Protein backbone atom coordinates (compact mmCIF):
# COMPACT_ATOMS: atom_id res chain seq x y z
CA MET A 1 -34.61 10.61 -1.52
CA SER A 2 -32.40 8.49 -3.73
CA ARG A 3 -33.19 4.88 -4.54
CA ARG A 4 -30.10 3.75 -2.82
CA THR A 5 -31.05 5.65 0.36
CA ARG A 6 -34.53 4.27 0.36
CA LEU A 7 -33.25 0.71 -0.03
CA ALA A 8 -30.78 1.31 2.85
CA ARG A 9 -33.60 2.37 5.16
CA ARG A 10 -36.02 -0.27 3.96
CA PRO A 11 -34.01 -3.46 3.53
CA SER A 12 -37.13 -5.60 3.23
CA GLN A 13 -37.74 -4.04 -0.25
CA ARG A 14 -34.29 -4.67 -1.71
CA PRO A 15 -34.28 -6.20 -5.33
CA GLN A 16 -33.10 -9.65 -6.10
CA GLY A 17 -29.38 -10.10 -6.06
CA THR A 18 -28.41 -7.73 -3.28
CA ASP A 19 -28.46 -7.85 0.45
CA ALA A 20 -29.20 -4.23 0.60
CA ALA A 21 -28.17 -1.31 -1.40
CA ILE A 22 -25.87 -0.19 1.34
CA VAL A 23 -24.46 -2.95 3.67
CA GLY A 24 -21.24 -3.43 5.66
CA PHE A 25 -18.75 -5.61 3.82
CA MET A 26 -21.58 -7.94 2.75
CA GLY A 27 -23.50 -7.34 5.80
CA THR A 28 -26.98 -8.56 6.38
CA HIS A 29 -27.53 -7.00 9.77
CA GLN A 30 -30.26 -4.40 10.36
CA PRO A 31 -29.26 -0.91 9.49
CA PRO A 32 -28.57 1.41 12.50
CA SER A 33 -30.62 4.39 13.45
CA ARG A 34 -29.37 7.86 12.28
CA ARG A 35 -27.88 8.36 15.72
CA GLU A 36 -26.05 5.08 15.69
CA ALA A 37 -24.84 5.70 12.21
CA LEU A 38 -23.43 9.11 13.14
CA ALA A 39 -21.73 7.48 16.19
CA ALA A 40 -20.18 4.85 14.05
CA LEU A 41 -18.86 7.47 11.80
CA GLY A 42 -16.87 8.97 14.61
CA ALA A 43 -15.88 5.77 16.47
CA ALA A 44 -15.26 3.32 13.69
CA GLY A 45 -14.61 5.54 10.76
CA ALA A 46 -17.61 3.99 8.88
CA SER A 47 -15.41 1.15 7.57
CA LEU A 48 -17.88 -0.43 5.02
CA VAL A 49 -17.92 -2.00 1.77
CA ALA A 50 -21.21 -1.69 0.07
CA PRO A 51 -22.28 -3.98 -2.74
CA ARG A 52 -25.23 -2.69 -4.79
CA ILE A 53 -27.37 -4.05 -7.55
CA CYS A 54 -26.55 -2.85 -11.05
CA ALA A 55 -29.58 -0.92 -12.24
CA GLY A 56 -31.75 -2.64 -14.66
CA GLN A 57 -30.14 -6.09 -14.32
CA SER A 58 -30.90 -9.21 -12.46
CA TYR A 59 -28.50 -11.21 -10.44
CA GLY A 60 -28.64 -14.22 -12.80
CA THR A 61 -28.00 -12.23 -15.88
CA MET A 62 -25.01 -10.40 -14.57
CA ALA A 63 -23.10 -13.17 -12.92
CA ILE A 64 -20.33 -14.79 -14.84
CA ARG A 65 -17.94 -17.70 -14.44
CA PRO A 66 -14.35 -16.87 -13.41
CA GLN A 67 -12.81 -18.36 -16.54
CA ASP A 68 -15.00 -15.91 -18.54
CA ALA A 69 -14.06 -12.87 -16.55
CA ARG A 70 -11.35 -10.43 -17.64
CA VAL A 71 -10.79 -8.02 -14.73
CA ALA A 72 -9.09 -4.68 -15.44
CA VAL A 73 -7.21 -3.31 -12.31
CA GLN A 74 -7.34 0.46 -12.62
CA PRO A 75 -5.43 2.63 -10.13
CA LEU A 76 -7.11 6.09 -9.66
CA GLY A 77 -4.43 8.56 -8.71
CA PRO A 78 -1.05 7.55 -7.21
CA PHE A 79 -0.92 4.00 -5.96
CA ASP A 80 1.66 1.75 -4.37
CA THR A 81 3.27 -0.36 -7.05
CA ALA A 82 3.98 -3.33 -4.84
CA LEU A 83 0.45 -3.52 -3.41
CA TYR A 84 -0.89 -3.09 -6.98
CA ASP A 85 1.10 -6.24 -7.88
CA GLN A 86 -0.29 -8.05 -4.86
CA ILE A 87 -3.75 -7.25 -5.75
CA ALA A 88 -3.36 -8.43 -9.31
CA THR A 89 -1.73 -11.64 -8.38
CA SER A 90 -4.32 -12.50 -5.60
CA LEU A 91 -7.17 -11.99 -8.06
CA ALA A 92 -5.70 -14.33 -10.49
CA GLY A 93 -4.67 -16.88 -7.94
CA GLU A 94 -7.76 -16.82 -5.70
CA LEU A 95 -10.54 -16.32 -8.21
CA SER A 96 -8.82 -17.78 -11.35
CA VAL A 97 -9.82 -14.67 -13.49
CA ASN A 98 -7.90 -13.10 -16.10
CA VAL A 99 -6.24 -9.92 -14.98
CA GLN A 100 -5.46 -6.95 -17.14
CA ARG A 101 -3.28 -4.28 -15.39
CA GLU A 102 -3.86 -0.63 -16.26
CA SER A 103 -1.82 2.40 -15.85
CA SER A 104 -2.74 5.01 -13.25
CA ILE A 105 -5.27 7.74 -14.27
CA ASP A 106 -6.36 10.73 -12.58
CA LEU A 107 -9.44 10.65 -10.27
CA PRO A 108 -12.42 12.24 -12.07
CA ARG A 109 -13.13 15.79 -10.79
CA SER A 110 -16.91 15.13 -11.12
CA ALA A 111 -16.63 12.62 -8.24
CA TYR A 112 -15.01 15.05 -5.80
CA TYR A 113 -17.21 16.07 -2.73
CA ALA A 114 -15.40 19.38 -1.64
CA ARG A 115 -17.26 19.62 1.63
CA ASN A 116 -15.63 16.57 3.18
CA ARG A 117 -12.67 16.61 0.79
CA ARG A 118 -13.21 13.01 -0.53
CA TYR A 119 -14.57 11.32 -3.56
CA ARG A 120 -18.14 9.90 -4.08
CA ALA A 121 -17.95 6.23 -4.67
CA GLU A 122 -21.06 5.90 -6.80
CA ARG A 123 -19.64 8.48 -9.18
CA LEU A 124 -16.38 6.61 -9.43
CA LEU A 125 -18.36 3.57 -10.28
CA ASP A 126 -20.22 5.46 -13.15
CA PHE A 127 -16.68 6.58 -14.32
CA LEU A 128 -15.23 3.08 -14.12
CA ARG A 129 -18.21 1.44 -15.93
CA ARG A 130 -17.62 3.73 -18.95
CA ARG A 131 -14.04 2.26 -19.26
CA VAL A 132 -15.27 -1.33 -19.51
CA ALA A 133 -14.71 -2.50 -23.16
CA SER A 134 -14.10 -5.88 -24.69
CA PRO A 135 -12.25 -8.05 -23.75
CA VAL A 136 -12.60 -6.61 -20.28
CA ASN A 137 -16.04 -7.25 -18.56
CA ARG A 138 -15.09 -6.36 -14.97
CA ILE A 139 -13.19 -3.48 -13.57
CA LEU A 140 -11.69 -2.89 -10.05
CA GLY A 141 -10.82 0.69 -9.28
CA VAL A 142 -8.10 1.07 -6.49
CA THR A 143 -7.21 4.27 -4.74
CA GLU A 144 -5.56 5.72 -1.75
CA VAL A 145 -7.96 8.66 -1.28
CA ASP A 146 -10.98 8.54 1.03
CA ILE A 147 -14.35 7.67 -0.62
CA SER A 148 -17.99 7.90 0.54
CA THR A 149 -21.63 7.19 -0.47
CA SER A 150 -25.07 7.74 1.03
CA ALA A 151 -26.21 5.20 3.67
CA HIS A 152 -28.54 4.89 6.65
CA GLY A 153 -29.88 8.51 6.28
CA VAL A 154 -26.31 9.90 6.19
CA TYR A 155 -25.57 11.64 2.88
CA ASP A 156 -21.72 11.35 3.08
CA TRP A 157 -20.85 8.02 4.73
CA GLY A 158 -17.19 6.96 4.50
CA VAL A 159 -16.59 3.56 2.95
CA LEU A 160 -13.86 1.08 2.13
CA GLY A 161 -15.60 0.50 -1.16
CA LEU A 162 -18.63 0.18 -3.40
CA GLY A 163 -19.47 -2.46 -5.94
CA ASP A 164 -22.07 -3.97 -8.18
CA LEU A 165 -23.57 -7.21 -6.89
CA PRO A 166 -23.13 -8.62 -9.49
CA GLY A 167 -22.11 -6.39 -12.30
CA PRO A 168 -19.17 -4.76 -14.10
CA ALA A 169 -17.49 -2.35 -11.55
CA CYS A 170 -16.30 -1.91 -7.99
CA VAL A 171 -13.92 0.64 -6.29
CA ILE A 172 -11.88 0.15 -3.15
CA SER A 173 -9.98 2.71 -1.09
CA MET A 174 -6.89 2.08 1.01
CA PHE A 175 -7.65 5.03 3.22
CA ARG A 176 -9.64 3.12 5.90
CA CYS A 177 -7.50 0.00 5.62
CA ARG A 178 -4.89 1.99 7.48
CA ARG A 179 -7.15 2.57 10.45
CA ASN A 180 -5.64 1.11 13.59
CA ALA A 181 -3.35 -1.14 11.58
CA ARG A 182 -0.21 -2.52 13.31
CA ASN A 183 1.97 -2.26 10.20
CA ALA A 184 2.07 -2.02 6.46
CA ALA A 185 1.64 -5.81 6.12
CA GLN A 186 -1.71 -5.54 7.89
CA VAL A 187 -2.88 -2.62 5.79
CA HIS A 188 -1.89 -4.62 2.52
CA PHE A 189 -3.72 -7.73 3.82
CA ARG A 190 -6.91 -5.79 4.30
CA MET A 191 -6.68 -4.08 0.93
CA VAL A 192 -5.92 -7.28 -0.97
CA THR A 193 -8.66 -9.31 0.88
CA THR A 194 -11.21 -6.62 0.28
CA CYS A 195 -10.25 -6.29 -3.45
CA VAL A 196 -10.74 -10.05 -3.93
CA HIS A 197 -13.90 -10.04 -1.97
CA GLU A 198 -15.40 -7.26 -4.01
CA VAL A 199 -14.53 -8.65 -7.32
CA GLY A 200 -16.06 -11.90 -6.04
CA HIS A 201 -19.27 -9.90 -5.59
CA THR A 202 -19.17 -8.69 -9.28
CA LEU A 203 -18.88 -12.29 -10.37
CA GLY A 204 -22.05 -13.20 -8.44
CA LEU A 205 -20.67 -14.46 -4.98
CA ASP A 206 -22.96 -13.68 -2.16
CA HIS A 207 -22.24 -13.80 1.61
CA CYS A 208 -20.51 -16.64 3.37
CA ARG A 209 -21.11 -17.77 6.88
CA ASP A 210 -17.66 -18.98 7.40
CA VAL A 211 -15.82 -16.40 9.35
CA ARG A 212 -12.43 -17.46 7.88
CA CYS A 213 -13.63 -17.18 4.21
CA LEU A 214 -12.81 -13.85 2.58
CA MET A 215 -16.39 -13.53 1.49
CA THR A 216 -17.52 -13.19 5.17
CA ASP A 217 -19.60 -10.43 6.47
CA ALA A 218 -17.37 -7.95 8.15
CA ARG A 219 -20.29 -6.37 9.92
CA GLY A 220 -19.30 -2.79 9.35
CA THR A 221 -15.76 -2.97 10.85
CA VAL A 222 -12.37 -3.34 9.11
CA ARG A 223 -11.25 -5.57 12.13
CA THR A 224 -13.36 -8.49 10.77
CA ILE A 225 -11.20 -8.64 7.71
CA ASP A 226 -8.16 -9.29 10.00
CA GLN A 227 -9.88 -12.60 11.23
CA SER A 228 -10.26 -13.86 7.71
CA SER A 229 -7.84 -16.33 6.16
CA GLY A 230 -7.79 -14.17 3.09
CA ARG A 231 -8.88 -17.15 1.02
CA LEU A 232 -12.11 -18.51 -0.34
CA CYS A 233 -13.68 -21.42 1.53
CA ASN A 234 -14.49 -24.64 -0.38
CA ARG A 235 -18.25 -23.74 -0.47
CA CYS A 236 -17.56 -20.47 -2.26
CA ARG A 237 -15.05 -22.04 -4.59
CA THR A 238 -17.61 -24.69 -5.58
CA ARG A 239 -20.22 -21.86 -6.27
CA LEU A 240 -17.81 -20.28 -8.62
CA GLY A 241 -17.12 -23.60 -10.36
CA LEU A 242 -13.62 -23.92 -8.97
CA ALA A 243 -12.06 -27.20 -7.52
CA PRO A 244 -12.19 -27.40 -3.79
CA ARG A 245 -8.93 -27.32 -1.93
CA PRO A 246 -7.76 -30.56 -0.25
CA ALA A 247 -8.89 -30.74 3.44
């Protein structure tokens, strides 16, 4: 059994700096049973974002200030140009980080899981971390293909994304952002909000109790993202060292 799977099944033994190795969009709820997990895969599409601790690092040593962050936005495979621009603009505007735009590259073959015809998110993270080089210290991979990881006793659990909490890398897929979306605008909102949320994790931001804050716990469903304002609350802005917005 992998370390990540053990942590998912035994959240009380998680290391400092992470809610659990596998959680729903910053979720802190108790993991479901295997039967519940399999039911969720079919009914909800397993729409999760899963932050995980960067091996060998502590929360304090990996968190950095936004002004010290240089985030490379790396498309993996074909990716919508307009959406790519929205993501880069929102990262700079909402988190006040420096953004470096990268040209699209092919998805690594080593990450492909042929049985379910999707890509393993943890292998994508390994691939992305190797591309972090000064002055870049954070990297966001974005893709349109389906991705997965191991969670709750299920080896191949489909996810919205996976990221270090905190640490250098995260990857987000647009595949599940399309689920039951009314239109393209809603898909884009979900994707942009999730990208900003996950980069917030890599900077050291933890969960937020404000359901309107983009750092809220989506509790395993993409629909919770729809209820977010798409912006940081003043509490989270203060934690990052950013000036609060006027009331």
